[in-house]
Amino acid sequence: MRILVVDDSAVDRYLLVSILQEMGHQVDESETTAGLLDKIISGNYEAVFLDIVMPEQDGYKFLREIRTNPKTVKQHVIFCSSKKTPIEVNYGLNRAGADAYITKPVTRENVSEVLEKVPI
């Protein structure tokens, strides 16, 4: 599976990329959302793991861009965030429109579980 990981934290990004690569996935990564919509359009990604708290544009706003663009509206997006309360998770899934939500720190088990649930 081809996956894009977007997270401004180098440590969190490295951990998630490492887990996904160990699972046999092809992974691209970015520390910013700048220019990523075009990359998603041309990249044929089965899934995008997206952090919520980022400096230039938060994950909610970027997901809104993804969901309103006809070329990316069906892109599978998985929020990967340190926001853990039920209200925050519910907002990410039901209001923002993510396909799945995992909390940090990520583990191989929760990454595997979420990939099994997302209809890719």
PDB file of N, CA and C in Angstrom:
ATOM      1  N   MET A   1       0.836  -1.163   0.000  1.00  0.00           N
ATOM      2  CA  MET A   1       0.000   0.000   0.000  1.00  0.00           C
ATOM      3  C   MET A   1       0.893   1.242   0.000  1.00  0.00           C
ATOM      4  N   ARG A   2       0.482   2.258  -0.720  1.00  0.00           N
ATOM      5  CA  ARG A   2       1.234   3.515  -0.751  1.00  0.00           C
ATOM      6  C   ARG A   2       0.572   4.504   0.210  1.00  0.00           C
ATOM      7  N   ILE A   3       1.361   5.031   1.142  1.00  0.00           N
ATOM      8  CA  ILE A   3       0.838   5.844   2.232  1.00  0.00           C
ATOM      9  C   ILE A   3       1.657   7.129   2.360  1.00  0.00           C
ATOM     10  N   LEU A   4       0.976   8.225   2.706  1.00  0.00           N
ATOM     11  CA  LEU A   4       1.616   9.507   2.982  1.00  0.00           C
ATOM     12  C   LEU A   4       1.442   9.822   4.462  1.00  0.00           C
ATOM     13  N   VAL A   5       2.532  10.167   5.130  1.00  0.00           N
ATOM     14  CA  VAL A   5       2.514  10.547   6.538  1.00  0.00           C
ATOM     15  C   VAL A   5       2.826  12.038   6.633  1.00  0.00           C
ATOM     16  N   VAL A   6       1.935  12.803   7.285  1.00  0.00           N
ATOM     17  CA  VAL A   6       2.103  14.242   7.429  1.00  0.00           C
ATOM     18  C   VAL A   6       2.115  14.579   8.916  1.00  0.00           C
ATOM     19  N   ASP A   7       3.273  15.011   9.400  1.00  0.00           N
ATOM     20  CA  ASP A   7       3.415  15.350  10.818  1.00  0.00           C
ATOM     21  C   ASP A   7       4.601  16.282  10.962  1.00  0.00           C
ATOM     22  N   ASP A   8       4.436  17.367  11.709  1.00  0.00           N
ATOM     23  CA  ASP A   8       5.528  18.322  11.890  1.00  0.00           C
ATOM     24  C   ASP A   8       6.564  17.834  12.893  1.00  0.00           C
ATOM     25  N   SER A   9       6.240  16.824  13.683  1.00  0.00           N
ATOM     26  CA  SER A   9       7.193  16.269  14.650  1.00  0.00           C
ATOM     27  C   SER A   9       8.051  15.199  13.974  1.00  0.00           C
ATOM     28  N   ALA A  10       9.339  15.454  13.900  1.00  0.00           N
ATOM     29  CA  ALA A  10      10.250  14.498  13.265  1.00  0.00           C
ATOM     30  C   ALA A  10      10.238  13.146  13.980  1.00  0.00           C
ATOM     31  N   VAL A  11      10.148  13.173  15.299  1.00  0.00           N
ATOM     32  CA  VAL A  11      10.150  11.925  16.078  1.00  0.00           C
ATOM     33  C   VAL A  11       8.886  11.116  15.798  1.00  0.00           C
ATOM     34  N   ASP A  12       7.723  11.761  15.870  1.00  0.00           N
ATOM     35  CA  ASP A  12       6.463  11.058  15.603  1.00  0.00           C
ATOM     36  C   ASP A  12       6.392  10.566  14.167  1.00  0.00           C
ATOM     37  N   ARG A  13       6.863  11.384  13.239  1.00  0.00           N
ATOM     38  CA  ARG A  13       6.860  10.999  11.824  1.00  0.00           C
ATOM     39  C   ARG A  13       7.763   9.798  11.605  1.00  0.00           C
ATOM     40  N   TYR A  14       8.952   9.819  12.190  1.00  0.00           N
ATOM     41  CA  TYR A  14       9.902   8.714  12.047  1.00  0.00           C
ATOM     42  C   TYR A  14       9.308   7.412  12.588  1.00  0.00           C
ATOM     43  N   LEU A  15       8.664   7.477  13.747  1.00  0.00           N
ATOM     44  CA  LEU A  15       8.079   6.283  14.344  1.00  0.00           C
ATOM     45  C   LEU A  15       6.993   5.700  13.445  1.00  0.00           C
ATOM     46  N   LEU A  16       6.086   6.523  12.976  1.00  0.00           N
ATOM     47  CA  LEU A  16       4.998   6.036  12.136  1.00  0.00           C
ATOM     48  C   LEU A  16       5.512   5.508  10.795  1.00  0.00           C
ATOM     49  N   VAL A  17       6.422   6.234  10.181  1.00  0.00           N
ATOM     50  CA  VAL A  17       7.006   5.776   8.909  1.00  0.00           C
ATOM     51  C   VAL A  17       7.701   4.431   9.103  1.00  0.00           C
ATOM     52  N   SER A  18       8.453   4.288  10.185  1.00  0.00           N
ATOM     53  CA  SER A  18       9.163   3.033  10.465  1.00  0.00           C
ATOM     54  C   SER A  18       8.190   1.870  10.623  1.00  0.00           C
ATOM     55  N   ILE A  19       7.125   2.086  11.369  1.00  0.00           N
ATOM     56  CA  ILE A  19       6.129   1.035  11.567  1.00  0.00           C
ATOM     57  C   ILE A  19       5.498   0.636  10.230  1.00  0.00           C
ATOM     58  N   LEU A  20       5.100   1.629   9.457  1.00  0.00           N
ATOM     59  CA  LEU A  20       4.458   1.337   8.170  1.00  0.00           C
ATOM     60  C   LEU A  20       5.409   0.618   7.213  1.00  0.00           C
ATOM     61  N   GLN A  21       6.670   1.023   7.179  1.00  0.00           N
ATOM     62  CA  GLN A  21       7.642   0.362   6.317  1.00  0.00           C
ATOM     63  C   GLN A  21       7.907  -1.067   6.766  1.00  0.00           C
ATOM     64  N   GLU A  22       7.981  -1.291   8.071  1.00  0.00           N
ATOM     65  CA  GLU A  22       8.142  -2.655   8.592  1.00  0.00           C
ATOM     66  C   GLU A  22       6.974  -3.539   8.189  1.00  0.00           C
ATOM     67  N   MET A  23       5.803  -2.935   8.041  1.00  0.00           N
ATOM     68  CA  MET A  23       4.613  -3.676   7.635  1.00  0.00           C
ATOM     69  C   MET A  23       4.592  -3.910   6.124  1.00  0.00           C
ATOM     70  N   GLY A  24       5.572  -3.361   5.421  1.00  0.00           N
ATOM     71  CA  GLY A  24       5.690  -3.593   3.984  1.00  0.00           C
ATOM     72  C   GLY A  24       5.082  -2.528   3.092  1.00  0.00           C
ATOM     73  N   HIS A  25       4.723  -1.388   3.657  1.00  0.00           N
ATOM     74  CA  HIS A  25       4.106  -0.331   2.873  1.00  0.00           C
ATOM     75  C   HIS A  25       5.152   0.616   2.298  1.00  0.00           C
ATOM     76  N   GLN A  26       4.811   1.218   1.173  1.00  0.00           N
ATOM     77  CA  GLN A  26       5.639   2.268   0.577  1.00  0.00           C
ATOM     78  C   GLN A  26       5.168   3.581   1.186  1.00  0.00           C
ATOM     79  N   VAL A  27       6.082   4.327   1.791  1.00  0.00           N
ATOM     80  CA  VAL A  27       5.688   5.503   2.561  1.00  0.00           C
ATOM     81  C   VAL A  27       6.446   6.741   2.095  1.00  0.00           C
ATOM     82  N   ASP A  28       5.685   7.817   1.862  1.00  0.00           N
ATOM     83  CA  ASP A  28       6.250   9.140   1.660  1.00  0.00           C
ATOM     84  C   ASP A  28       5.909   9.949   2.905  1.00  0.00           C
ATOM     85  N   GLU A  29       6.668  11.006   3.136  1.00  0.00           N
ATOM     86  CA  GLU A  29       6.426  11.791   4.341  1.00  0.00           C
ATOM     87  C   GLU A  29       6.594  13.274   4.080  1.00  0.00           C
ATOM     88  N   SER A  30       5.936  14.063   4.946  1.00  0.00           N
ATOM     89  CA  SER A  30       6.045  15.511   4.866  1.00  0.00           C
ATOM     90  C   SER A  30       5.868  16.094   6.261  1.00  0.00           C
ATOM     91  N   GLU A  31       6.582  17.179   6.526  1.00  0.00           N
ATOM     92  CA  GLU A  31       6.429  17.846   7.817  1.00  0.00           C
ATOM     93  C   GLU A  31       5.492  19.036   7.730  1.00  0.00           C
ATOM     94  N   THR A  32       4.943  19.287   6.561  1.00  0.00           N
ATOM     95  CA  THR A  32       4.056  20.420   6.351  1.00  0.00           C
ATOM     96  C   THR A  32       2.968  20.048   5.347  1.00  0.00           C
ATOM     97  N   THR A  33       1.876  20.805   5.359  1.00  0.00           N
ATOM     98  CA  THR A  33       0.813  20.574   4.384  1.00  0.00           C
ATOM     99  C   THR A  33       1.005  21.406   3.115  1.00  0.00           C
ATOM    100  N   ALA A  34       1.996  22.279   3.102  1.00  0.00           N
ATOM    101  CA  ALA A  34       2.230  23.144   1.947  1.00  0.00           C
ATOM    102  C   ALA A  34       2.478  22.311   0.688  1.00  0.00           C
ATOM    103  N   GLY A  35       1.673  22.546  -0.322  1.00  0.00           N
ATOM    104  CA  GLY A  35       1.830  21.854  -1.597  1.00  0.00           C
ATOM    105  C   GLY A  35       1.389  20.404  -1.605  1.00  0.00           C
ATOM    106  N   LEU A  36       0.833  19.939  -0.502  1.00  0.00           N
ATOM    107  CA  LEU A  36       0.497  18.518  -0.410  1.00  0.00           C
ATOM    108  C   LEU A  36      -0.740  18.112  -1.184  1.00  0.00           C
ATOM    109  N   LEU A  37      -1.667  19.020  -1.398  1.00  0.00           N
ATOM    110  CA  LEU A  37      -2.869  18.646  -2.139  1.00  0.00           C
ATOM    111  C   LEU A  37      -2.499  18.160  -3.535  1.00  0.00           C
ATOM    112  N   ASP A  38      -1.591  18.863  -4.202  1.00  0.00           N
ATOM    113  CA  ASP A  38      -1.137  18.427  -5.520  1.00  0.00           C
ATOM    114  C   ASP A  38      -0.414  17.087  -5.438  1.00  0.00           C
ATOM    115  N   LYS A  39       0.363  16.890  -4.375  1.00  0.00           N
ATOM    116  CA  LYS A  39       1.079  15.622  -4.198  1.00  0.00           C
ATOM    117  C   LYS A  39       0.089  14.472  -3.994  1.00  0.00           C
ATOM    118  N   ILE A  40      -0.967  14.727  -3.245  1.00  0.00           N
ATOM    119  CA  ILE A  40      -1.983  13.700  -3.027  1.00  0.00           C
ATOM    120  C   ILE A  40      -2.698  13.373  -4.333  1.00  0.00           C
ATOM    121  N   ILE A  41      -3.002  14.397  -5.111  1.00  0.00           N
ATOM    122  CA  ILE A  41      -3.673  14.191  -6.396  1.00  0.00           C
ATOM    123  C   ILE A  41      -2.830  13.327  -7.317  1.00  0.00           C
ATOM    124  N   SER A  42      -1.539  13.578  -7.361  1.00  0.00           N
ATOM    125  CA  SER A  42      -0.674  12.851  -8.295  1.00  0.00           C
ATOM    126  C   SER A  42      -0.017  11.608  -7.693  1.00  0.00           C
ATOM    127  N   GLY A  43      -0.172  11.411  -6.388  1.00  0.00           N
ATOM    128  CA  GLY A  43       0.582  10.360  -5.721  1.00  0.00           C
ATOM    129  C   GLY A  43      -0.050   8.999  -5.614  1.00  0.00           C
ATOM    130  N   ASN A  44      -1.323   8.864  -5.944  1.00  0.00           N
ATOM    131  CA  ASN A  44      -2.004   7.571  -5.842  1.00  0.00           C
ATOM    132  C   ASN A  44      -1.838   6.928  -4.471  1.00  0.00           C
ATOM    133  N   TYR A  45      -2.113   7.679  -3.432  1.00  0.00           N
ATOM    134  CA  TYR A  45      -2.001   7.161  -2.070  1.00  0.00           C
ATOM    135  C   TYR A  45      -3.282   6.437  -1.677  1.00  0.00           C
ATOM    136  N   GLU A  46      -3.135   5.291  -1.053  1.00  0.00           N
ATOM    137  CA  GLU A  46      -4.302   4.599  -0.524  1.00  0.00           C
ATOM    138  C   GLU A  46      -4.755   5.231   0.790  1.00  0.00           C
ATOM    139  N   ALA A  47      -3.809   5.836   1.517  1.00  0.00           N
ATOM    140  CA  ALA A  47      -4.152   6.463   2.791  1.00  0.00           C
ATOM    141  C   ALA A  47      -3.178   7.592   3.104  1.00  0.00           C
ATOM    142  N   VAL A  48      -3.690   8.572   3.858  1.00  0.00           N
ATOM    143  CA  VAL A  48      -2.880   9.669   4.369  1.00  0.00           C
ATOM    144  C   VAL A  48      -3.046   9.680   5.882  1.00  0.00           C
ATOM    145  N   PHE A  49      -1.935   9.566   6.608  1.00  0.00           N
ATOM    146  CA  PHE A  49      -1.930   9.734   8.052  1.00  0.00           C
ATOM    147  C   PHE A  49      -1.624  11.198   8.311  1.00  0.00           C
ATOM    148  N   LEU A  50      -2.526  11.889   9.000  1.00  0.00           N
ATOM    149  CA  LEU A  50      -2.446  13.333   9.133  1.00  0.00           C
ATOM    150  C   LEU A  50      -2.500  13.758  10.593  1.00  0.00           C
ATOM    151  N   ASP A  51      -1.479  14.491  11.023  1.00  0.00           N
ATOM    152  CA  ASP A  51      -1.473  15.068  12.361  1.00  0.00           C
ATOM    153  C   ASP A  51      -2.492  16.207  12.387  1.00  0.00           C
ATOM    154  N   ILE A  52      -3.027  16.499  13.551  1.00  0.00           N
ATOM    155  CA  ILE A  52      -3.992  17.590  13.665  1.00  0.00           C
ATOM    156  C   ILE A  52      -3.307  18.900  14.029  1.00  0.00           C
ATOM    157  N   VAL A  53      -2.430  18.877  15.018  1.00  0.00           N
ATOM    158  CA  VAL A  53      -1.790  20.107  15.496  1.00  0.00           C
ATOM    159  C   VAL A  53      -0.490  20.320  14.720  1.00  0.00           C
ATOM    160  N   MET A  54      -0.554  21.283  13.798  1.00  0.00           N
ATOM    161  CA  MET A  54       0.622  21.622  13.002  1.00  0.00           C
ATOM    162  C   MET A  54       0.687  23.141  12.903  1.00  0.00           C
ATOM    163  N   PRO A  55       1.879  23.701  12.734  1.00  0.00           N
ATOM    164  CA  PRO A  55       2.024  25.158  12.832  1.00  0.00           C
ATOM    165  C   PRO A  55       1.373  25.982  11.721  1.00  0.00           C
ATOM    166  N   GLU A  56       1.515  25.602  10.473  1.00  0.00           N
ATOM    167  CA  GLU A  56       1.044  26.483   9.407  1.00  0.00           C
ATOM    168  C   GLU A  56      -0.418  26.283   9.055  1.00  0.00           C
ATOM    169  N   GLN A  57      -0.894  25.050   9.137  1.00  0.00           N
ATOM    170  CA  GLN A  57      -2.293  24.749   8.844  1.00  0.00           C
ATOM    171  C   GLN A  57      -2.640  23.473   9.602  1.00  0.00           C
ATOM    172  N   ASP A  58      -3.669  23.542  10.427  1.00  0.00           N
ATOM    173  CA  ASP A  58      -3.980  22.346  11.206  1.00  0.00           C
ATOM    174  C   ASP A  58      -4.615  21.268  10.327  1.00  0.00           C
ATOM    175  N   GLY A  59      -4.629  20.081  10.852  1.00  0.00           N
ATOM    176  CA  GLY A  59      -5.136  18.933  10.106  1.00  0.00           C
ATOM    177  C   GLY A  59      -6.604  19.055   9.748  1.00  0.00           C
ATOM    178  N   TYR A  60      -7.391  19.714  10.594  1.00  0.00           N
ATOM    179  CA  TYR A  60      -8.807  19.900  10.289  1.00  0.00           C
ATOM    180  C   TYR A  60      -8.991  20.714   9.008  1.00  0.00           C
ATOM    181  N   LYS A  61      -8.260  21.810   8.906  1.00  0.00           N
ATOM    182  CA  LYS A  61      -8.369  22.672   7.718  1.00  0.00           C
ATOM    183  C   LYS A  61      -7.862  21.942   6.475  1.00  0.00           C
ATOM    184  N   PHE A  62      -6.770  21.208   6.629  1.00  0.00           N
ATOM    185  CA  PHE A  62      -6.246  20.497   5.467  1.00  0.00           C
ATOM    186  C   PHE A  62      -7.202  19.383   5.039  1.00  0.00           C
ATOM    187  N   LEU A  63      -7.809  18.698   5.986  1.00  0.00           N
ATOM    188  CA  LEU A  63      -8.787  17.673   5.627  1.00  0.00           C
ATOM    189  C   LEU A  63      -9.976  18.303   4.910  1.00  0.00           C
ATOM    190  N   ARG A  64     -10.379  19.495   5.321  1.00  0.00           N
ATOM    191  CA  ARG A  64     -11.460  20.190   4.634  1.00  0.00           C
ATOM    192  C   ARG A  64     -11.089  20.442   3.174  1.00  0.00           C
ATOM    193  N   GLU A  65      -9.829  20.827   2.918  1.00  0.00           N
ATOM    194  CA  GLU A  65      -9.369  21.011   1.533  1.00  0.00           C
ATOM    195  C   GLU A  65      -9.450  19.701   0.753  1.00  0.00           C
ATOM    196  N   ILE A  66      -9.031  18.625   1.400  1.00  0.00           N
ATOM    197  CA  ILE A  66      -9.067  17.311   0.745  1.00  0.00           C
ATOM    198  C   ILE A  66     -10.504  16.929   0.410  1.00  0.00           C
ATOM    199  N   ARG A  67     -11.412  17.117   1.356  1.00  0.00           N
ATOM    200  CA  ARG A  67     -12.803  16.697   1.173  1.00  0.00           C
ATOM    201  C   ARG A  67     -13.577  17.574   0.195  1.00  0.00           C
ATOM    202  N   THR A  68     -13.125  18.804  -0.037  1.00  0.00           N
ATOM    203  CA  THR A  68     -13.847  19.686  -0.959  1.00  0.00           C
ATOM    204  C   THR A  68     -13.255  19.689  -2.366  1.00  0.00           C
ATOM    205  N   ASN A  69     -12.135  19.031  -2.565  1.00  0.00           N
ATOM    206  CA  ASN A  69     -11.537  18.956  -3.895  1.00  0.00           C
ATOM    207  C   ASN A  69     -12.075  17.713  -4.600  1.00  0.00           C
ATOM    208  N   PRO A  70     -12.665  17.863  -5.775  1.00  0.00           N
ATOM    209  CA  PRO A  70     -13.236  16.700  -6.473  1.00  0.00           C
ATOM    210  C   PRO A  70     -12.215  15.592  -6.771  1.00  0.00           C
ATOM    211  N   LYS A  71     -10.946  15.958  -6.872  1.00  0.00           N
ATOM    212  CA  LYS A  71      -9.913  14.959  -7.185  1.00  0.00           C
ATOM    213  C   LYS A  71      -9.435  14.195  -5.959  1.00  0.00           C
ATOM    214  N   THR A  72      -9.746  14.692  -4.754  1.00  0.00           N
ATOM    215  CA  THR A  72      -9.269  14.037  -3.537  1.00  0.00           C
ATOM    216  C   THR A  72     -10.379  13.722  -2.545  1.00  0.00           C
ATOM    217  N   VAL A  73     -11.621  13.997  -2.916  1.00  0.00           N
ATOM    218  CA  VAL A  73     -12.738  13.862  -1.986  1.00  0.00           C
ATOM    219  C   VAL A  73     -12.839  12.456  -1.383  1.00  0.00           C
ATOM    220  N   LYS A  74     -12.426  11.439  -2.114  1.00  0.00           N
ATOM    221  CA  LYS A  74     -12.524  10.065  -1.618  1.00  0.00           C
ATOM    222  C   LYS A  74     -11.226   9.545  -1.006  1.00  0.00           C
ATOM    223  N   GLN A  75     -10.244  10.409  -0.866  1.00  0.00           N
ATOM    224  CA  GLN A  75      -8.966  10.012  -0.264  1.00  0.00           C
ATOM    225  C   GLN A  75      -9.178   9.548   1.169  1.00  0.00           C
ATOM    226  N   HIS A  76      -8.611   8.406   1.534  1.00  0.00           N
ATOM    227  CA  HIS A  76      -8.706   7.923   2.909  1.00  0.00           C
ATOM    228  C   HIS A  76      -7.733   8.704   3.783  1.00  0.00           C
ATOM    229  N   VAL A  77      -8.267   9.319   4.841  1.00  0.00           N
ATOM    230  CA  VAL A  77      -7.457  10.123   5.750  1.00  0.00           C
ATOM    231  C   VAL A  77      -7.629   9.587   7.163  1.00  0.00           C
ATOM    232  N   ILE A  78      -6.500   9.359   7.806  1.00  0.00           N
ATOM    233  CA  ILE A  78      -6.469   8.854   9.169  1.00  0.00           C
ATOM    234  C   ILE A  78      -5.789   9.908  10.032  1.00  0.00           C
ATOM    235  N   PHE A  79      -6.536  10.464  10.972  1.00  0.00           N
ATOM    236  CA  PHE A  79      -5.915  11.392  11.900  1.00  0.00           C
ATOM    237  C   PHE A  79      -5.020  10.609  12.854  1.00  0.00           C
ATOM    238  N   CYS A  80      -3.849  11.163  13.094  1.00  0.00           N
ATOM    239  CA  CYS A  80      -2.887  10.587  14.034  1.00  0.00           C
ATOM    240  C   CYS A  80      -2.486  11.730  14.952  1.00  0.00           C
ATOM    241  N   SER A  81      -3.030  11.732  16.172  1.00  0.00           N
ATOM    242  CA  SER A  81      -2.906  12.913  17.010  1.00  0.00           C
ATOM    243  C   SER A  81      -2.695  12.576  18.474  1.00  0.00           C
ATOM    244  N   SER A  82      -2.158  13.528  19.199  1.00  0.00           N
ATOM    245  CA  SER A  82      -2.043  13.392  20.651  1.00  0.00           C
ATOM    246  C   SER A  82      -3.326  13.851  21.343  1.00  0.00           C
ATOM    247  N   LYS A  83      -4.278  14.378  20.578  1.00  0.00           N
ATOM    248  CA  LYS A  83      -5.589  14.749  21.128  1.00  0.00           C
ATOM    249  C   LYS A  83      -6.349  13.452  21.388  1.00  0.00           C
ATOM    250  N   LYS A  84      -6.657  13.181  22.671  1.00  0.00           N
ATOM    251  CA  LYS A  84      -7.153  11.857  23.037  1.00  0.00           C
ATOM    252  C   LYS A  84      -8.535  11.820  23.666  1.00  0.00           C
ATOM    253  N   THR A  85      -9.110  12.957  24.006  1.00  0.00           N
ATOM    254  CA  THR A  85     -10.391  12.904  24.702  1.00  0.00           C
ATOM    255  C   THR A  85     -11.476  12.391  23.751  1.00  0.00           C
ATOM    256  N   PRO A  86     -12.516  11.788  24.290  1.00  0.00           N
ATOM    257  CA  PRO A  86     -13.611  11.320  23.436  1.00  0.00           C
ATOM    258  C   PRO A  86     -14.219  12.435  22.580  1.00  0.00           C
ATOM    259  N   ILE A  87     -14.286  13.642  23.127  1.00  0.00           N
ATOM    260  CA  ILE A  87     -14.834  14.769  22.361  1.00  0.00           C
ATOM    261  C   ILE A  87     -13.941  15.076  21.158  1.00  0.00           C
ATOM    262  N   GLU A  88     -12.623  15.086  21.355  1.00  0.00           N
ATOM    263  CA  GLU A  88     -11.694  15.383  20.254  1.00  0.00           C
ATOM    264  C   GLU A  88     -11.719  14.285  19.198  1.00  0.00           C
ATOM    265  N   VAL A  89     -11.742  13.030  19.629  1.00  0.00           N
ATOM    266  CA  VAL A  89     -11.790  11.910  18.680  1.00  0.00           C
ATOM    267  C   VAL A  89     -13.100  11.955  17.904  1.00  0.00           C
ATOM    268  N   ASN A  90     -14.217  12.188  18.603  1.00  0.00           N
ATOM    269  CA  ASN A  90     -15.522  12.278  17.946  1.00  0.00           C
ATOM    270  C   ASN A  90     -15.544  13.411  16.918  1.00  0.00           C
ATOM    271  N   TYR A  91     -14.976  14.553  17.290  1.00  0.00           N
ATOM    272  CA  TYR A  91     -14.921  15.684  16.367  1.00  0.00           C
ATOM    273  C   TYR A  91     -14.123  15.317  15.115  1.00  0.00           C
ATOM    274  N   GLY A  92     -12.969  14.690  15.306  1.00  0.00           N
ATOM    275  CA  GLY A  92     -12.128  14.308  14.172  1.00  0.00           C
ATOM    276  C   GLY A  92     -12.814  13.356  13.211  1.00  0.00           C
ATOM    277  N   LEU A  93     -13.581  12.429  13.762  1.00  0.00           N
ATOM    278  CA  LEU A  93     -14.259  11.442  12.920  1.00  0.00           C
ATOM    279  C   LEU A  93     -15.575  11.961  12.343  1.00  0.00           C
ATOM    280  N   ASN A  94     -16.403  12.532  13.178  1.00  0.00           N
ATOM    281  CA  ASN A  94     -17.761  12.856  12.755  1.00  0.00           C
ATOM    282  C   ASN A  94     -17.955  14.270  12.233  1.00  0.00           C
ATOM    283  N   ARG A  95     -17.217  15.213  12.755  1.00  0.00           N
ATOM    284  CA  ARG A  95     -17.363  16.589  12.276  1.00  0.00           C
ATOM    285  C   ARG A  95     -16.346  16.911  11.185  1.00  0.00           C
ATOM    286  N   ALA A  96     -15.088  16.535  11.423  1.00  0.00           N
ATOM    287  CA  ALA A  96     -14.045  16.845  10.439  1.00  0.00           C
ATOM    288  C   ALA A  96     -14.076  15.867   9.268  1.00  0.00           C
ATOM    289  N   GLY A  97     -14.491  14.616   9.524  1.00  0.00           N
ATOM    290  CA  GLY A  97     -14.656  13.669   8.430  1.00  0.00           C
ATOM    291  C   GLY A  97     -13.505  12.729   8.159  1.00  0.00           C
ATOM    292  N   ALA A  98     -12.656  12.494   9.149  1.00  0.00           N
ATOM    293  CA  ALA A  98     -11.573  11.520   8.957  1.00  0.00           C
ATOM    294  C   ALA A  98     -12.170  10.114   8.870  1.00  0.00           C
ATOM    295  N   ASP A  99     -11.482   9.237   8.165  1.00  0.00           N
ATOM    296  CA  ASP A  99     -11.932   7.842   8.040  1.00  0.00           C
ATOM    297  C   ASP A  99     -11.609   7.036   9.289  1.00  0.00           C
ATOM    298  N   ALA A 100     -10.566   7.441   9.999  1.00  0.00           N
ATOM    299  CA  ALA A 100     -10.148   6.744  11.215  1.00  0.00           C
ATOM    300  C   ALA A 100      -9.324   7.708  12.056  1.00  0.00           C
ATOM    301  N   TYR A 101      -9.055   7.294  13.286  1.00  0.00           N
ATOM    302  CA  TYR A 101      -8.361   8.174  14.233  1.00  0.00           C
ATOM    303  C   TYR A 101      -7.529   7.292  15.150  1.00  0.00           C
ATOM    304  N   ILE A 102      -6.229   7.567  15.228  1.00  0.00           N
ATOM    305  CA  ILE A 102      -5.391   6.893  16.216  1.00  0.00           C
ATOM    306  C   ILE A 102      -4.673   7.948  17.041  1.00  0.00           C
ATOM    307  N   THR A 103      -4.371   7.579  18.277  1.00  0.00           N
ATOM    308  CA  THR A 103      -3.709   8.526  19.162  1.00  0.00           C
ATOM    309  C   THR A 103      -2.242   8.160  19.331  1.00  0.00           C
ATOM    310  N   LYS A 104      -1.471   9.192  19.620  1.00  0.00           N
ATOM    311  CA  LYS A 104      -0.034   9.023  19.829  1.00  0.00           C
ATOM    312  C   LYS A 104       0.222   8.675  21.277  1.00  0.00           C
ATOM    313  N   PRO A 105       1.252   7.954  21.568  1.00  0.00           N
ATOM    314  CA  PRO A 105       2.227   7.401  20.625  1.00  0.00           C
ATOM    315  C   PRO A 105       1.638   6.196  19.888  1.00  0.00           C
ATOM    316  N   VAL A 106       1.952   6.131  18.603  1.00  0.00           N
ATOM    317  CA  VAL A 106       1.435   5.031  17.795  1.00  0.00           C
ATOM    318  C   VAL A 106       2.190   3.744  18.107  1.00  0.00           C
ATOM    319  N   THR A 107       1.504   2.646  17.904  1.00  0.00           N
ATOM    320  CA  THR A 107       2.119   1.324  18.033  1.00  0.00           C
ATOM    321  C   THR A 107       1.809   0.541  16.770  1.00  0.00           C
ATOM    322  N   ARG A 108       2.565  -0.484  16.546  1.00  0.00           N
ATOM    323  CA  ARG A 108       2.309  -1.340  15.386  1.00  0.00           C
ATOM    324  C   ARG A 108       0.883  -1.899  15.445  1.00  0.00           C
ATOM    325  N   GLU A 109       0.428  -2.231  16.654  1.00  0.00           N
ATOM    326  CA  GLU A 109      -0.895  -2.812  16.819  1.00  0.00           C
ATOM    327  C   GLU A 109      -2.008  -1.844  16.429  1.00  0.00           C
ATOM    328  N   ASN A 110      -1.920  -0.573  16.904  1.00  0.00           N
ATOM    329  CA  ASN A 110      -3.014   0.331  16.559  1.00  0.00           C
ATOM    330  C   ASN A 110      -2.952   0.790  15.106  1.00  0.00           C
ATOM    331  N   VAL A 111      -1.771   0.828  14.511  1.00  0.00           N
ATOM    332  CA  VAL A 111      -1.662   1.145  13.087  1.00  0.00           C
ATOM    333  C   VAL A 111      -2.262   0.005  12.267  1.00  0.00           C
ATOM    334  N   SER A 112      -1.918  -1.218  12.610  1.00  0.00           N
ATOM    335  CA  SER A 112      -2.453  -2.383  11.908  1.00  0.00           C
ATOM    336  C   SER A 112      -3.973  -2.445  12.034  1.00  0.00           C
ATOM    337  N   GLU A 113      -4.469  -2.206  13.232  1.00  0.00           N
ATOM    338  CA  GLU A 113      -5.911  -2.243  13.482  1.00  0.00           C
ATOM    339  C   GLU A 113      -6.652  -1.203  12.653  1.00  0.00           C
ATOM    340  N   VAL A 114      -6.124   0.003  12.595  1.00  0.00           N
ATOM    341  CA  VAL A 114      -6.816   1.054  11.853  1.00  0.00           C
ATOM    342  C   VAL A 114      -6.765   0.792  10.345  1.00  0.00           C
ATOM    343  N   LEU A 115      -5.674   0.238   9.859  1.00  0.00           N
ATOM    344  CA  LEU A 115      -5.591  -0.077   8.422  1.00  0.00           C
ATOM    345  C   LEU A 115      -6.555  -1.197   8.041  1.00  0.00           C
ATOM    346  N   GLU A 116      -6.834  -2.089   8.960  1.00  0.00           N
ATOM    347  CA  GLU A 116      -7.810  -3.147   8.684  1.00  0.00           C
ATOM    348  C   GLU A 116      -9.226  -2.598   8.631  1.00  0.00           C
ATOM    349  N   LYS A 117      -9.517  -1.538   9.378  1.00  0.00           N
ATOM    350  CA  LYS A 117     -10.860  -0.973   9.440  1.00  0.00           C
ATOM    351  C   LYS A 117     -11.172  -0.024   8.294  1.00  0.00           C
ATOM    352  N   VAL A 118     -10.138   0.625   7.754  1.00  0.00           N
ATOM    353  CA  VAL A 118     -10.350   1.592   6.669  1.00  0.00           C
ATOM    354  C   VAL A 118     -10.571   0.814   5.371  1.00  0.00           C
ATOM    355  N   PRO A 119     -11.660   1.089   4.679  1.00  0.00           N
ATOM    356  CA  PRO A 119     -11.975   0.324   3.459  1.00  0.00           C
ATOM    357  C   PRO A 119     -11.106   0.713   2.269  1.00  0.00           C
ATOM    358  N   ILE A 120      -9.895   0.182   2.255  1.00  0.00           N
ATOM    359  CA  ILE A 120      -8.957   0.523   1.174  1.00  0.00           C
ATOM    360  C   ILE A 120      -8.932  -0.603   0.162  1.00  0.00           C
TER     361      ILE A 120
END
